[in-house]
N, C-alpha and C. Protein backbone atom coordinates (compact mmCIF):
# COMPACT_ATOMS: atom_id res chain seq x y z
N MET A 1 147.56 82.68 59.85
CA MET A 1 146.12 82.53 60.21
C MET A 1 145.17 83.71 59.87
N ARG A 2 144.10 83.42 59.19
CA ARG A 2 143.32 84.44 58.70
C ARG A 2 142.41 85.03 59.85
N GLU A 3 141.94 86.27 59.54
CA GLU A 3 141.11 86.98 60.50
C GLU A 3 139.72 86.22 60.47
N PRO A 4 139.24 85.96 61.67
CA PRO A 4 137.90 85.36 61.80
C PRO A 4 136.80 86.32 61.23
N ARG A 5 135.91 85.81 60.44
CA ARG A 5 134.87 86.61 59.84
C ARG A 5 133.87 86.90 60.93
N GLY A 6 133.50 88.28 60.97
CA GLY A 6 132.50 88.65 61.97
C GLY A 6 133.01 88.62 63.38
N GLY A 7 134.35 88.45 63.54
CA GLY A 7 134.97 88.42 64.88
C GLY A 7 134.68 87.09 65.61
N LEU A 8 134.00 86.12 64.93
CA LEU A 8 133.80 84.79 65.51
C LEU A 8 134.28 83.79 64.50
N SER A 9 135.34 82.95 64.95
CA SER A 9 135.84 81.89 64.04
C SER A 9 135.01 80.59 64.27
N VAL A 10 134.28 80.58 65.26
CA VAL A 10 133.50 79.32 65.65
C VAL A 10 132.07 79.66 65.86
N GLY A 11 131.13 78.92 65.30
CA GLY A 11 129.74 79.14 65.66
C GLY A 11 129.37 78.72 67.04
N PRO A 12 128.03 78.98 67.38
CA PRO A 12 127.53 78.76 68.78
C PRO A 12 127.61 77.23 69.08
N TRP A 13 127.62 76.36 68.09
CA TRP A 13 127.76 74.88 68.40
C TRP A 13 129.18 74.41 68.11
N GLY A 14 130.17 75.28 68.02
CA GLY A 14 131.55 74.83 67.78
C GLY A 14 131.75 74.48 66.28
N TRP A 15 130.81 74.88 65.35
CA TRP A 15 130.96 74.64 63.92
C TRP A 15 131.78 75.88 63.38
N PRO A 16 132.51 75.64 62.27
CA PRO A 16 133.21 76.83 61.65
C PRO A 16 132.20 77.77 61.09
N ASP A 17 132.69 78.99 60.92
CA ASP A 17 131.86 80.12 60.47
C ASP A 17 131.35 79.85 59.06
N GLU A 18 132.01 78.89 58.27
CA GLU A 18 131.53 78.75 56.91
C GLU A 18 130.52 77.63 56.89
N ASP A 19 129.83 77.29 57.87
CA ASP A 19 128.83 76.29 57.90
C ASP A 19 127.77 76.65 56.86
N PRO A 20 127.26 75.63 56.08
CA PRO A 20 126.32 75.91 55.02
C PRO A 20 124.93 76.44 55.60
N VAL A 21 124.61 76.11 56.79
CA VAL A 21 123.39 76.64 57.29
C VAL A 21 123.56 78.08 57.72
N PRO A 22 122.67 78.95 57.23
CA PRO A 22 122.77 80.38 57.56
C PRO A 22 122.58 80.61 59.07
N SER A 23 123.26 81.59 59.62
CA SER A 23 123.20 81.90 61.04
C SER A 23 121.77 82.31 61.42
N ARG A 24 121.05 82.95 60.53
CA ARG A 24 119.71 83.41 60.79
C ARG A 24 118.76 82.25 61.07
N VAL A 25 119.08 81.04 60.47
CA VAL A 25 118.23 79.89 60.68
C VAL A 25 118.44 79.46 62.05
N TRP A 26 119.74 79.41 62.59
CA TRP A 26 119.94 78.95 63.90
C TRP A 26 119.39 79.94 64.89
N ARG A 27 119.41 81.26 64.50
CA ARG A 27 118.88 82.25 65.44
C ARG A 27 117.46 82.00 65.61
N SER A 28 116.77 81.77 64.54
CA SER A 28 115.29 81.50 64.63
C SER A 28 114.88 80.24 65.35
N VAL A 29 115.84 79.20 65.25
CA VAL A 29 115.64 77.96 65.90
C VAL A 29 115.80 78.19 67.43
N ARG A 30 116.83 79.02 67.74
CA ARG A 30 117.02 79.28 69.18
C ARG A 30 115.84 79.99 69.77
N VAL A 31 115.33 80.98 68.99
CA VAL A 31 114.14 81.80 69.54
C VAL A 31 112.93 80.83 69.65
N VAL A 32 112.71 79.94 68.70
CA VAL A 32 111.60 79.09 68.86
C VAL A 32 111.69 78.11 70.07
N TYR A 33 113.07 77.58 70.28
CA TYR A 33 113.22 76.77 71.38
C TYR A 33 113.07 77.57 72.71
N PHE A 34 113.54 78.81 72.77
CA PHE A 34 113.49 79.54 73.96
C PHE A 34 111.96 79.84 74.25
N VAL A 35 111.21 80.23 73.26
CA VAL A 35 109.72 80.52 73.53
C VAL A 35 109.06 79.27 74.01
N THR A 36 109.33 78.10 73.41
CA THR A 36 108.63 76.86 73.77
C THR A 36 109.10 76.54 75.25
N ALA A 37 110.24 76.67 75.57
CA ALA A 37 110.72 76.34 76.94
C ALA A 37 110.06 77.33 77.91
N LEU A 38 109.98 78.54 77.51
CA LEU A 38 109.29 79.57 78.40
C LEU A 38 107.88 79.24 78.65
N ARG A 39 107.18 78.88 77.57
CA ARG A 39 105.76 78.51 77.67
C ARG A 39 105.62 77.35 78.53
N THR A 40 106.49 76.31 78.30
CA THR A 40 106.30 75.08 79.22
C THR A 40 106.55 75.46 80.75
N VAL A 41 107.49 76.40 81.05
CA VAL A 41 107.69 76.83 82.36
C VAL A 41 106.46 77.46 82.92
N VAL A 42 105.80 78.38 82.08
CA VAL A 42 104.68 79.08 82.46
C VAL A 42 103.48 78.09 82.85
N VAL A 43 103.28 77.15 81.98
CA VAL A 43 102.26 76.13 82.04
C VAL A 43 102.47 75.36 83.39
N VAL A 44 103.65 74.84 83.58
CA VAL A 44 103.98 74.08 84.70
C VAL A 44 103.74 74.96 85.99
N ALA A 45 104.18 76.13 86.00
CA ALA A 45 104.00 76.99 87.15
C ALA A 45 102.50 77.25 87.42
N TYR A 46 101.68 77.29 86.26
CA TYR A 46 100.26 77.53 86.48
C TYR A 46 99.63 76.30 87.03
N ILE A 47 100.08 75.14 86.55
CA ILE A 47 99.51 73.87 87.06
C ILE A 47 99.87 73.70 88.57
N GLU A 48 101.03 74.00 88.89
CA GLU A 48 101.56 73.91 90.32
C GLU A 48 100.66 74.76 91.25
N VAL A 49 100.29 75.96 90.77
CA VAL A 49 99.33 76.80 91.63
C VAL A 49 97.98 76.28 91.45
């Protein structure tokens, strides 16, 4: 069994480390998703008040 590259043998979605999609792409996607969700929460909280 070979040593996992970067200390992680599986990606955040359970995909292998050799996935063709660069990890930085998924990182940016997660950031955009997080910011969008945060903005939605802020808007909903503002409307509730």
